[in-house]
Amino acid sequence: IIVITIVSWLYCLGLWIAISSLVFVQCVPSSSSALTASLTGSSSGNSASSNAMQSPQKRGSGAADLTKDQCNKTVDIFEDVSSPEVNSLNVGRPLTCWYRFRTLKGAPRDFVLRLRFKKFKVGTLLNATYCEGGYLQIVDGNAKTDVSNRREPGMFCGEAEQPQTFISETNYVKVLFHTDNFTDQTYFTFDSRAEQQTEVYLRYGQHPELYPNRRGEVVQGSYCEREYRDCRLQTCYVQSPAYPGLYPRALNCRYKLHTRQPYIKLYLQNEQFGVDGQRCENVMTCPIRPIGSGKEHCPYDWLAVYDGRDEHSPLIGKFCGLGKFPFSIIGTSQYMYVEFVTSPAGPLLNTGFHFNVGNWPGHVETAGIKHGICDWLLSSDSLKDSSASEGIFLSIAHWYPPNTSCSYHIKGRIGEIVRLYFPSFRINRIESPILKYDGDCGESLTIYDSDHPDPARIIKTFCDTFSRPMEKVDFVSTSPSLYVQFDSKTGSYSGSSLYYWAHYDFFNNTRFGDPVPNTLCDEVMYAWKHPGGKIRSPMNSLIFKRTGGADVRCPYKFVG
């Protein structure tokens, strides 16, 4: 019997080789060692045996490929994968399908997988935190890859009729599909392809070999925690995982940013921001969420930016929405901390963000004492210690919250006066407000002839809505102090709408008599006040500068 069985198998093998280009022969030795053959293209009498063992077909056979829709298998790159057909064996029952991807032998390790979901409908999203009735999971990476989200891959659910793309961070991906009740209203279709990292230009940029840490250094054991050092233009990319494709669910990503010089700047360049911009594909049911900030506006997925080294630093904003990010975010130092959080479950939508990191060249060394973020004491003694003839201060170049007030108390010695002028001054509309304000003077700059903001001693006020800048015009105090105050009702993510470069200096205004009001240098000597004393030319050199080259006349009157 054993001999007959072996002969039967050998005969079957030879027959299969001879006619494999035409049909497929399935050989099953019976109890009597007879040969049983079934042709895949034959009559319905063989349908039972073909269901019991589906036969592998040649690649490219299209709809005739009976294996491509099976569950729980490793599939080839470029292969189309669809949910199984609904039949009497699976309809109305739970169904779980997983797929891994077979890569080509000899392929380089620096490739990623692009999965394109052509159609998708599974489960229902509840409260943006749970998928009811079914879900899709995308596991990116495993224990051997540098990063992996295998511990918390999250869930996608809902419906997507337009193609959606996921681009992995690693060369290993597993897709898992589950439904509690499989029907013809539950389906998915996707294909895949492998791409080298250099081909994903929007992620890695130009010449990625020159900037191996352009996307930051990965914190060991994490999926999306990264550290960036010494960032400058085009050397640091802060991106959502899987960018520019769909970002995964259940994320808690942290990015620590650093530049060599203040002020650190986070900005988008020609890319769209898409964090929780849509909760479903139908814009009538789920209107597009405009870009905004705040817990109420961003309850599910959000990007938080902190002004400092960690999450304990001041919160600049918590952002989400879809569209062109309208402004840059500028910190007050060399450090910034960014956190990206996504809900455990969500739609198969939204492609995240791509920020560049640099620094805003608005930092100058100011000779004075700083209190808080933007309050300064600029004294004559500090200026003398710096060996400079003039002091400089600039408008606020970094972010600040609504209702911010910044002051510059310019203080001279007894007998000195203060001169202030603006070599450069521009007044723009408020381009990046944190709080919208429709009234006049959302931001203003006021100069006081005083040592405090005295409304009775205002020299000039500039407003963002109606004032004209005054460049190279002297504002001179009548006492040793001048006080400058900037006020903002709106706040800003990227600096003041009143851009100015201010210079100040001090002049000796010592007089030996009583000054005559409304004159340049006239003095009166009263005998009962000054029985004896000095008389000399003006010590205030500003008098000679302000005449514009004309003659200077200083009458001195003596009253006995």
Protein backbone atom coordinates (compact mmCIF):
# COMPACT_ATOMS: atom_id res chain seq x y z
CA ILE A 1 0.00 0.00 0.00
CA ILE A 2 2.86 2.37 0.82
CA VAL A 3 4.46 1.69 -2.57
CA ILE A 4 1.18 2.32 -4.38
CA THR A 5 0.70 5.61 -2.47
CA ILE A 6 4.19 6.84 -3.39
CA VAL A 7 3.64 5.92 -7.03
CA SER A 8 0.32 7.82 -6.95
CA TRP A 9 2.00 10.95 -5.62
CA LEU A 10 4.84 10.75 -8.15
CA TYR A 11 2.33 10.33 -10.98
CA CYS A 12 0.34 13.31 -9.67
CA LEU A 13 3.47 15.47 -9.46
CA GLY A 14 4.47 14.65 -13.02
CA LEU A 15 1.00 15.37 -14.32
CA TRP A 16 0.94 18.75 -12.47
CA ILE A 17 4.27 19.79 -14.02
CA ALA A 18 3.08 18.81 -17.48
CA ILE A 19 -0.14 20.84 -17.48
CA SER A 20 0.53 23.57 -14.85
CA SER A 21 0.27 26.26 -17.51
CA LEU A 22 -3.37 25.28 -18.10
CA VAL A 23 -4.91 24.01 -14.90
CA PHE A 24 -4.05 23.25 -11.33
CA VAL A 25 -4.30 19.66 -10.13
CA GLN A 26 -4.97 18.92 -6.49
CA CYS A 27 -3.95 15.46 -5.40
CA VAL A 28 -5.36 13.78 -2.33
CA PRO A 29 -4.52 10.11 -1.78
CA SER A 30 -7.66 8.20 -0.81
CA SER A 31 -7.83 5.15 1.42
CA SER A 32 -7.53 2.94 -1.69
CA SER A 33 -4.57 5.00 -2.96
CA ALA A 34 -6.60 6.15 -5.91
CA LEU A 35 -5.77 9.49 -7.58
CA THR A 36 -8.23 12.32 -7.01
CA ALA A 37 -7.89 15.36 -9.26
CA SER A 38 -9.90 18.55 -9.22
CA LEU A 39 -9.51 21.40 -11.66
CA THR A 40 -9.94 24.91 -10.36
CA GLY A 41 -11.81 26.00 -13.44
CA SER A 42 -14.09 22.95 -13.58
CA SER A 43 -17.72 22.42 -12.71
CA SER A 44 -19.39 23.12 -9.40
CA GLY A 45 -18.90 19.57 -8.36
CA ASN A 46 -15.40 20.47 -7.26
CA SER A 47 -16.39 23.59 -5.29
CA ALA A 48 -16.24 21.81 -1.96
CA SER A 49 -12.66 20.68 -2.41
CA SER A 50 -11.61 24.13 -3.70
CA ASN A 51 -13.07 25.73 -0.59
CA ALA A 52 -11.18 23.28 1.59
CA MET A 53 -7.85 24.20 -0.02
CA GLN A 54 -7.64 27.35 -2.11
CA SER A 55 -4.95 27.04 -4.75
CA PRO A 56 -2.12 29.56 -5.22
CA GLN A 57 -2.25 31.36 -8.54
CA LYS A 58 0.26 33.20 -10.65
CA ARG A 59 0.80 36.90 -9.80
CA GLY A 60 -1.25 39.18 -12.00
CA SER A 61 -4.20 36.80 -12.36
CA GLY A 62 -6.52 39.58 -11.01
CA ALA A 63 -9.95 38.51 -9.80
CA ALA A 64 -9.05 34.85 -10.25
CA ASP A 65 -6.58 35.11 -7.35
CA LEU A 66 -8.45 33.28 -4.64
CA THR A 67 -5.83 33.87 -1.92
CA LYS A 68 -5.53 37.63 -1.91
CA ASP A 69 -8.55 38.23 0.30
CA GLN A 70 -7.70 35.66 2.95
CA CYS A 71 -7.14 36.82 6.52
CA ASN A 72 -4.15 36.39 8.79
CA LYS A 73 -1.27 36.18 6.35
CA THR A 74 1.89 37.81 5.07
CA VAL A 75 1.30 39.68 1.83
CA ASP A 76 3.69 40.89 -0.82
CA ILE A 77 4.53 44.53 -1.33
CA PHE A 78 2.40 46.03 -4.14
CA GLU A 79 -0.33 43.45 -3.53
CA ASP A 80 -3.93 44.64 -3.32
CA VAL A 81 -5.64 43.49 -0.13
CA SER A 82 -9.38 43.56 0.49
CA SER A 83 -11.69 42.38 3.21
CA PRO A 84 -13.03 38.83 2.71
CA GLU A 85 -16.19 38.30 0.73
CA VAL A 86 -19.33 37.99 2.81
CA ASN A 87 -20.68 34.46 2.78
CA SER A 88 -22.90 32.21 4.85
CA LEU A 89 -19.95 31.14 6.99
CA ASN A 90 -18.90 34.59 8.18
CA VAL A 91 -21.89 36.91 7.87
CA GLY A 92 -23.10 38.31 11.18
CA ARG A 93 -20.14 36.84 13.05
CA PRO A 94 -17.03 38.38 14.62
CA LEU A 95 -14.10 38.58 12.24
CA THR A 96 -10.43 39.41 12.83
CA CYS A 97 -7.90 39.74 10.04
CA TRP A 98 -4.22 40.66 10.30
CA TYR A 99 -1.64 41.27 7.59
CA ARG A 100 2.13 41.54 7.57
CA PHE A 101 4.23 42.57 4.60
CA ARG A 102 6.88 40.52 2.84
CA THR A 103 9.79 42.61 1.60
CA LEU A 104 12.02 41.81 -1.33
CA LYS A 105 15.23 39.94 -0.63
CA GLY A 106 18.25 42.19 -0.71
CA ALA A 107 16.20 45.35 -0.17
CA PRO A 108 18.00 48.05 1.87
CA ARG A 109 16.97 48.45 5.50
CA ASP A 110 16.34 52.22 5.22
CA PHE A 111 12.92 51.87 3.63
CA VAL A 112 9.44 52.63 4.88
CA LEU A 113 6.04 51.31 3.87
CA ARG A 114 3.34 53.40 2.24
CA LEU A 115 -0.13 51.95 2.83
CA ARG A 116 -2.94 53.42 0.78
CA PHE A 117 -6.42 52.72 2.11
CA LYS A 118 -8.75 53.04 -0.86
CA LYS A 119 -11.98 52.33 1.01
CA PHE A 120 -12.64 51.80 4.67
CA LYS A 121 -15.71 51.29 6.82
CA VAL A 122 -15.58 49.60 10.19
CA GLY A 123 -17.04 50.40 13.61
CA THR A 124 -18.43 53.66 14.97
CA LEU A 125 -16.46 56.34 16.80
CA LEU A 126 -17.92 57.18 20.23
CA ASN A 127 -16.80 60.32 22.08
CA ALA A 128 -13.53 60.23 20.15
CA THR A 129 -12.17 57.72 22.67
CA TYR A 130 -13.74 54.36 21.74
CA CYS A 131 -14.56 52.37 18.61
CA GLU A 132 -17.86 50.53 18.92
CA GLY A 133 -18.45 47.44 16.80
CA GLY A 134 -15.00 47.22 15.23
CA TYR A 135 -11.68 48.90 14.56
CA LEU A 136 -8.49 49.00 12.53
CA GLN A 137 -5.04 48.97 14.14
CA ILE A 138 -1.74 49.84 12.46
CA VAL A 139 1.30 48.56 14.35
CA ASP A 140 4.43 50.42 13.24
CA GLY A 141 7.64 48.66 14.30
CA ASN A 142 8.51 45.70 16.50
CA ALA A 143 11.05 44.77 19.17
CA LYS A 144 13.89 44.88 16.62
CA THR A 145 13.20 48.35 15.18
CA ASP A 146 14.46 51.64 16.63
CA VAL A 147 10.92 52.86 17.34
CA SER A 148 7.59 51.10 17.74
CA ASN A 149 4.02 51.82 18.80
CA ARG A 150 3.22 48.15 19.34
CA ARG A 151 2.34 48.65 23.02
CA GLU A 152 -0.38 51.25 22.28
CA PRO A 153 -1.28 51.30 18.59
CA GLY A 154 -4.70 52.87 19.18
CA MET A 155 -7.72 52.33 16.94
CA PHE A 156 -9.16 53.79 13.74
CA CYS A 157 -12.85 53.48 12.95
CA GLY A 158 -15.62 55.12 10.99
CA GLU A 159 -15.80 55.52 7.22
CA ALA A 160 -13.44 56.88 4.54
CA GLU A 161 -14.44 56.82 0.88
CA GLN A 162 -11.47 58.92 -0.26
CA PRO A 163 -7.99 57.33 -0.34
CA GLN A 164 -6.01 57.83 2.87
CA THR A 165 -2.28 57.14 3.19
CA PHE A 166 -0.19 55.93 6.10
CA ILE A 167 3.63 56.11 5.77
CA SER A 168 5.41 54.08 8.41
CA GLU A 169 8.37 55.14 10.54
CA THR A 170 9.91 51.65 10.27
CA ASN A 171 10.25 48.80 7.76
CA TYR A 172 7.88 46.58 9.74
CA VAL A 173 4.10 47.11 9.73
CA LYS A 174 1.21 44.95 10.84
CA VAL A 175 -2.41 45.81 10.03
CA LEU A 176 -5.19 44.35 12.15
CA PHE A 177 -8.87 44.55 11.25
CA HIS A 178 -11.64 43.49 13.64
CA THR A 179 -15.43 43.64 13.56
CA ASP A 180 -17.96 42.28 16.01
CA ASN A 181 -20.53 41.73 13.24
CA PHE A 182 -19.23 41.16 9.70
CA THR A 183 -21.62 42.29 6.96
CA ASP A 184 -21.45 43.87 3.52
CA GLN A 185 -21.44 47.25 5.33
CA THR A 186 -18.04 46.47 6.82
CA TYR A 187 -15.11 46.53 4.42
CA PHE A 188 -11.59 47.71 3.66
CA THR A 189 -9.27 47.82 0.67
CA PHE A 190 -5.61 48.83 0.67
CA ASP A 191 -2.37 48.38 -1.19
CA SER A 192 1.24 48.91 -0.20
CA ARG A 193 4.64 49.78 -1.54
CA ALA A 194 8.14 50.16 -0.16
CA GLU A 195 10.02 53.45 -0.46
CA GLN A 196 13.52 54.43 0.54
CA GLN A 197 13.69 57.26 3.02
CA THR A 198 15.23 59.61 0.47
CA GLU A 199 12.08 59.23 -1.64
CA VAL A 200 9.87 60.61 1.15
CA TYR A 201 11.03 64.17 0.52
CA LEU A 202 8.40 65.92 2.67
CA ARG A 203 9.60 63.94 5.69
CA TYR A 204 13.37 63.87 5.31
CA GLY A 205 14.02 66.96 3.16
CA GLN A 206 16.97 67.59 0.88
CA HIS A 207 20.22 65.73 1.48
CA PRO A 208 19.12 63.76 4.56
CA GLU A 209 22.53 62.08 4.63
CA LEU A 210 24.04 65.44 5.65
CA TYR A 211 21.60 65.89 8.55
CA PRO A 212 21.11 62.48 10.21
CA ASN A 213 19.45 64.11 13.25
CA ARG A 214 17.24 66.50 11.31
CA ARG A 215 14.16 64.81 12.78
CA GLY A 216 15.73 64.80 16.25
CA GLU A 217 17.41 62.10 18.29
CA VAL A 218 14.93 59.42 19.35
CA VAL A 219 14.66 58.82 23.08
CA GLN A 220 15.40 55.13 23.58
CA GLY A 221 12.34 52.96 24.15
CA SER A 222 9.87 55.54 22.82
CA TYR A 223 7.94 55.83 19.57
CA CYS A 224 7.91 59.59 19.18
CA GLU A 225 9.98 61.31 21.88
CA ARG A 226 12.80 63.31 20.29
CA GLU A 227 15.48 65.81 21.33
CA TYR A 228 16.85 68.58 19.10
CA ARG A 229 20.08 70.47 19.74
CA ASP A 230 21.59 73.59 18.17
CA CYS A 231 18.76 74.02 15.69
CA ARG A 232 19.13 76.46 12.85
CA LEU A 233 17.39 76.98 9.52
CA GLN A 234 16.42 73.67 7.79
CA THR A 235 18.37 71.49 10.25
CA CYS A 236 15.49 70.57 12.59
CA TYR A 237 12.11 69.17 11.53
CA VAL A 238 9.44 68.73 14.20
CA GLN A 239 6.85 66.36 12.71
CA SER A 240 3.93 64.23 13.72
CA PRO A 241 4.72 60.48 13.52
CA ALA A 242 4.19 58.98 10.04
CA TYR A 243 4.20 62.45 8.43
CA PRO A 244 3.14 63.34 5.72
CA GLY A 245 0.64 60.52 6.07
CA LEU A 246 -2.00 59.83 8.70
CA TYR A 247 -0.74 60.10 12.26
CA PRO A 248 -1.37 57.13 14.58
CA ARG A 249 -3.77 57.05 17.50
CA ALA A 250 -3.03 56.94 21.26
CA LEU A 251 0.06 59.14 20.90
CA ASN A 252 1.84 61.06 23.62
CA CYS A 253 4.84 62.58 21.84
CA ARG A 254 7.36 64.97 23.39
CA TYR A 255 9.87 67.14 21.57
CA LYS A 256 12.64 69.06 23.37
CA LEU A 257 13.94 71.91 21.20
CA HIS A 258 17.09 74.00 21.55
CA THR A 259 18.83 76.74 19.56
CA ARG A 260 22.20 78.35 20.15
CA GLN A 261 20.75 81.86 20.35
CA PRO A 262 17.42 83.27 21.56
CA TYR A 263 14.72 83.70 20.53
CA ILE A 264 13.75 80.15 19.51
CA LYS A 265 11.25 80.13 16.66
CA LEU A 266 8.79 77.40 15.61
CA TYR A 267 7.22 77.93 12.20
CA LEU A 268 5.52 76.27 9.24
CA GLN A 269 6.82 76.79 5.74
CA ASN A 270 4.36 76.04 2.93
CA GLU A 271 2.89 73.02 4.72
CA GLN A 272 -0.63 72.50 5.96
CA PHE A 273 -1.44 71.94 9.62
CA GLY A 274 -3.92 69.09 10.16
CA VAL A 275 -4.46 68.06 13.79
CA ASP A 276 -8.03 66.89 14.46
CA GLY A 277 -9.27 69.10 11.64
CA GLN A 278 -12.03 66.58 10.78
CA ARG A 279 -13.77 63.93 12.85
CA CYS A 280 -15.42 62.31 9.83
CA GLU A 281 -15.19 62.62 6.05
CA ASN A 282 -18.61 64.21 5.51
CA VAL A 283 -18.13 67.97 5.93
CA MET A 284 -21.88 68.45 6.40
CA THR A 285 -21.95 66.11 9.38
CA CYS A 286 -18.47 67.03 10.61
CA PRO A 287 -17.55 70.63 9.66
CA ILE A 288 -13.86 71.34 9.26
CA ARG A 289 -12.40 72.66 12.48
CA PRO A 290 -10.48 75.92 11.87
CA ILE A 291 -7.09 76.33 13.50
CA GLY A 292 -7.50 77.53 17.06
CA SER A 293 -6.19 77.15 20.58
CA GLY A 294 -7.54 76.18 23.98
CA LYS A 295 -8.94 73.19 25.84
CA GLU A 296 -12.48 73.89 24.67
CA HIS A 297 -11.42 74.11 21.03
CA CYS A 298 -9.11 71.07 21.15
CA PRO A 299 -10.63 68.34 23.35
CA TYR A 300 -9.26 65.25 21.53
CA ASP A 301 -6.05 65.69 19.51
CA TRP A 302 -3.80 68.68 20.16
CA LEU A 303 -0.32 70.14 19.92
CA ALA A 304 0.85 72.01 23.03
CA VAL A 305 3.79 74.43 22.94
CA TYR A 306 5.60 75.47 26.16
CA ASP A 307 8.00 78.37 26.62
CA GLY A 308 10.88 76.51 28.23
CA ARG A 309 12.54 73.17 28.83
CA ASP A 310 9.54 71.06 29.94
CA GLU A 311 5.79 70.87 30.55
CA HIS A 312 6.15 72.94 33.73
CA SER A 313 7.12 76.00 31.67
CA PRO A 314 4.50 78.62 30.68
CA LEU A 315 2.01 77.25 28.16
CA ILE A 316 2.03 79.31 24.97
CA GLY A 317 -0.91 77.53 23.38
CA LYS A 318 -2.69 74.24 22.71
CA PHE A 319 -3.48 74.01 18.98
CA CYS A 320 -5.61 71.93 16.61
CA GLY A 321 -7.56 72.38 13.39
CA LEU A 322 -7.03 72.23 9.66
CA GLY A 323 -5.48 74.83 7.38
CA LYS A 324 -2.48 77.05 6.92
CA PHE A 325 -0.88 77.82 10.27
CA PRO A 326 -1.07 81.63 10.22
CA PHE A 327 1.88 82.60 12.38
CA SER A 328 5.20 81.64 13.89
CA ILE A 329 5.64 80.92 17.59
CA ILE A 330 8.64 82.64 19.18
CA GLY A 331 9.87 81.74 22.66
CA THR A 332 11.59 83.97 25.20
CA SER A 333 14.79 81.91 25.39
CA GLN A 334 16.74 79.18 23.60
CA TYR A 335 14.40 76.38 24.71
CA MET A 336 10.96 75.19 23.73
CA TYR A 337 8.97 72.08 24.66
CA VAL A 338 6.30 70.60 22.37
CA GLU A 339 3.77 67.90 23.23
CA PHE A 340 1.54 66.08 20.72
CA VAL A 341 -1.37 64.01 22.06
CA THR A 342 -4.00 62.04 20.13
CA SER A 343 -7.10 60.27 21.44
CA PRO A 344 -7.10 56.45 21.80
CA ALA A 345 -9.57 56.14 18.92
CA GLY A 346 -10.26 58.32 15.93
CA PRO A 347 -11.12 58.58 12.25
CA LEU A 348 -8.88 57.51 9.39
CA LEU A 349 -8.16 61.19 8.68
CA ASN A 350 -5.73 64.05 9.52
CA THR A 351 -2.08 64.23 8.50
CA GLY A 352 -0.49 66.17 11.37
CA PHE A 353 2.19 68.84 11.14
CA HIS A 354 5.70 69.74 10.04
CA PHE A 355 7.46 72.63 11.79
CA ASN A 356 10.90 74.09 11.19
CA VAL A 357 12.99 75.38 14.09
CA GLY A 358 15.26 78.39 14.04
CA ASN A 359 15.82 81.55 16.02
CA TRP A 360 14.52 85.07 15.53
CA PRO A 361 17.38 87.58 15.16
CA GLY A 362 15.75 90.14 17.44
CA HIS A 363 18.04 89.86 20.43
CA VAL A 364 20.34 92.68 21.52
CA GLU A 365 22.23 93.21 24.74
CA THR A 366 20.42 95.90 26.72
CA ALA A 367 22.39 97.74 29.40
CA GLY A 368 20.02 97.59 32.33
CA ILE A 369 18.27 95.47 34.92
CA LYS A 370 15.41 93.24 33.79
CA HIS A 371 12.47 92.36 36.02
CA GLY A 372 10.22 89.56 34.81
CA ILE A 373 9.71 89.05 31.09
CA CYS A 374 9.74 92.62 29.82
CA ASP A 375 10.12 95.24 32.59
CA TRP A 376 13.42 97.15 32.49
CA LEU A 377 15.29 99.71 34.58
CA LEU A 378 17.67 101.49 32.19
CA SER A 379 19.87 103.74 34.27
CA SER A 380 22.62 106.19 33.48
CA ASP A 381 24.95 104.20 35.73
CA SER A 382 24.29 100.93 33.85
CA LEU A 383 24.97 102.65 30.54
CA LYS A 384 28.22 104.11 31.86
CA ASP A 385 29.32 100.67 33.11
CA SER A 386 28.78 99.24 29.62
CA SER A 387 31.10 101.89 28.12
CA ALA A 388 28.44 102.74 25.52
CA SER A 389 27.41 106.26 24.64
CA GLU A 390 23.81 105.24 23.85
CA GLY A 391 21.51 102.57 25.15
CA ILE A 392 19.30 100.37 22.96
CA PHE A 393 16.09 98.46 23.51
CA LEU A 394 13.79 96.75 21.02
CA SER A 395 10.10 96.02 20.74
CA ILE A 396 9.02 92.62 22.07
CA ALA A 397 10.12 89.99 19.56
CA HIS A 398 8.69 86.92 21.32
CA TRP A 399 5.26 85.68 22.40
CA TYR A 400 3.35 87.29 25.29
CA PRO A 401 -0.13 86.65 26.73
CA PRO A 402 -3.17 88.96 26.46
CA ASN A 403 -3.24 92.02 28.74
CA THR A 404 0.54 92.21 28.81
CA SER A 405 2.18 95.43 29.98
CA CYS A 406 5.92 96.05 29.52
CA SER A 407 7.80 99.04 30.89
CA TYR A 408 11.12 100.80 30.32
CA HIS A 409 12.06 103.22 33.11
CA ILE A 410 14.96 105.29 31.73
CA LYS A 411 16.53 106.92 34.79
CA GLY A 412 19.33 109.49 34.84
CA ARG A 413 21.32 111.07 37.64
CA ILE A 414 20.29 114.31 39.38
CA GLY A 415 20.74 117.18 36.94
CA GLU A 416 20.47 114.92 33.83
CA ILE A 417 17.70 114.71 31.27
CA VAL A 418 16.81 111.82 28.95
CA ARG A 419 16.56 111.77 25.20
CA LEU A 420 14.72 108.97 23.37
CA TYR A 421 14.45 108.48 19.60
CA PHE A 422 13.59 105.68 17.15
CA PRO A 423 16.01 105.05 14.26
CA SER A 424 13.51 102.45 13.01
CA PHE A 425 9.77 102.34 13.69
CA ARG A 426 6.99 100.43 11.93
CA ILE A 427 3.34 100.00 12.87
CA ASN A 428 1.59 96.92 11.50
CA ARG A 429 -1.75 95.29 12.03
CA ILE A 430 -1.84 92.64 14.75
CA GLU A 431 -0.98 89.53 12.74
CA SER A 432 -0.80 86.81 15.40
CA PRO A 433 -3.15 87.72 18.27
CA ILE A 434 -3.83 85.20 21.00
CA LEU A 435 -7.10 86.96 21.83
CA LYS A 436 -9.14 88.70 19.15
CA TYR A 437 -9.93 92.36 19.70
CA ASP A 438 -12.07 94.51 17.37
CA GLY A 439 -11.63 97.90 19.03
CA ASP A 440 -9.04 100.62 18.55
CA CYS A 441 -5.62 100.53 20.13
CA GLY A 442 -5.35 96.82 20.74
CA GLU A 443 -1.64 97.51 21.20
CA SER A 444 -0.05 100.82 22.17
CA LEU A 445 3.24 102.47 23.14
CA THR A 446 3.14 105.52 25.43
CA ILE A 447 5.99 107.87 26.42
CA TYR A 448 5.70 109.70 29.76
CA ASP A 449 7.75 112.67 30.99
CA SER A 450 7.82 111.05 34.41
CA ASP A 451 9.21 108.17 36.41
CA HIS A 452 5.87 106.33 36.30
CA PRO A 453 2.85 106.11 33.93
CA ASP A 454 1.31 109.50 34.85
CA PRO A 455 -1.65 110.30 32.52
CA ALA A 456 -0.99 114.02 33.04
CA ARG A 457 2.58 113.73 31.75
CA ILE A 458 2.06 111.92 28.41
CA ILE A 459 4.40 113.07 25.64
CA LYS A 460 3.13 110.74 22.89
CA THR A 461 1.02 107.60 22.40
CA PHE A 462 1.27 105.28 19.36
CA CYS A 463 -1.59 102.86 18.53
CA ASP A 464 -1.67 99.95 16.11
CA THR A 465 -4.88 101.14 14.42
CA PHE A 466 -4.40 104.82 13.64
CA SER A 467 -0.94 106.18 14.56
CA ARG A 468 1.94 106.95 12.26
CA PRO A 469 5.46 106.03 13.31
CA MET A 470 7.89 108.84 14.10
CA GLU A 471 11.46 107.97 13.19
CA LYS A 472 14.49 110.05 14.22
CA VAL A 473 12.39 112.46 16.29
CA ASP A 474 13.72 113.39 19.74
CA PHE A 475 11.53 112.88 22.80
CA VAL A 476 13.23 114.74 25.68
CA SER A 477 12.34 114.69 29.37
CA THR A 478 12.26 117.73 31.63
CA SER A 479 13.46 115.69 34.59
CA PRO A 480 15.96 112.86 35.14
CA SER A 481 13.36 110.17 34.19
CA LEU A 482 11.47 109.07 31.09
CA TYR A 483 8.97 106.22 31.26
CA VAL A 484 7.93 104.10 28.23
CA GLN A 485 5.09 101.60 28.47
CA PHE A 486 3.84 99.01 25.98
CA ASP A 487 0.32 97.60 26.45
CA SER A 488 -1.38 94.75 24.59
CA LYS A 489 -4.97 93.67 24.99
CA THR A 490 -4.58 90.82 22.47
CA GLY A 491 -1.26 89.18 23.25
CA SER A 492 0.80 87.72 20.44
CA TYR A 493 2.44 84.48 19.40
CA SER A 494 5.28 86.16 17.53
CA GLY A 495 6.00 89.64 18.83
CA SER A 496 4.57 93.16 18.84
CA SER A 497 2.67 94.82 16.00
CA LEU A 498 4.57 98.00 16.94
CA TYR A 499 8.08 97.26 15.77
CA TYR A 500 10.67 99.73 17.02
CA TRP A 501 14.39 100.06 17.57
CA ALA A 502 14.82 102.62 20.35
CA HIS A 503 17.95 104.57 21.34
CA TYR A 504 18.32 106.62 24.50
CA ASP A 505 21.07 108.72 26.09
CA PHE A 506 21.56 111.17 28.98
CA PHE A 507 22.63 114.82 29.02
CA ASN A 508 23.90 117.03 31.81
CA ASN A 509 21.29 119.75 32.18
CA THR A 510 22.87 121.55 35.14
CA ARG A 511 21.88 125.24 35.35
CA PHE A 512 23.41 127.98 37.55
CA GLY A 513 20.33 130.16 37.35
CA ASP A 514 16.60 129.66 36.96
CA PRO A 515 15.61 128.38 33.49
CA VAL A 516 13.16 130.51 31.52
CA PRO A 517 10.13 128.42 30.45
CA ASN A 518 9.71 127.65 26.74
CA THR A 519 13.25 128.72 25.86
CA LEU A 520 16.26 126.74 24.78
CA CYS A 521 18.87 127.92 27.29
CA ASP A 522 17.77 131.24 28.83
CA GLU A 523 18.49 131.74 32.52
CA VAL A 524 17.65 134.35 35.20
CA MET A 525 19.94 135.07 38.17
CA TYR A 526 18.03 136.44 41.18
CA ALA A 527 20.15 138.15 43.81
CA TRP A 528 18.09 136.81 46.70
CA LYS A 529 18.60 133.27 45.35
CA HIS A 530 22.11 133.52 44.00
CA PRO A 531 24.17 136.15 45.87
CA GLY A 532 27.20 134.67 44.14
CA GLY A 533 27.93 131.85 41.73
CA LYS A 534 29.04 130.76 38.27
CA ILE A 535 28.01 131.50 34.73
CA ARG A 536 29.05 129.40 31.75
CA SER A 537 27.91 128.08 28.37
CA PRO A 538 25.27 125.32 28.42
CA MET A 539 26.57 121.96 29.67
CA ASN A 540 23.73 120.23 27.82
CA SER A 541 25.27 119.32 24.44
CA LEU A 542 21.84 118.32 23.19
CA ILE A 543 21.08 122.03 22.82
CA PHE A 544 23.64 122.29 20.05
CA LYS A 545 22.42 119.11 18.33
CA ARG A 546 18.81 120.22 18.26
CA THR A 547 19.41 123.55 16.49
CA GLY A 548 20.39 121.82 13.29
CA GLY A 549 23.53 123.92 12.76
CA ALA A 550 21.91 127.31 13.43
CA ASP A 551 23.36 129.81 15.87
CA VAL A 552 22.66 129.24 19.55
CA ARG A 553 21.70 132.29 21.64
CA CYS A 554 21.49 131.95 25.43
CA PRO A 555 20.55 135.22 27.22
CA TYR A 556 21.41 135.48 30.93
CA LYS A 557 19.45 138.01 33.03
CA PHE A 558 20.57 139.30 36.44
CA VAL A 559 17.94 140.67 38.82
CA GLY A 560 19.12 142.54 41.92
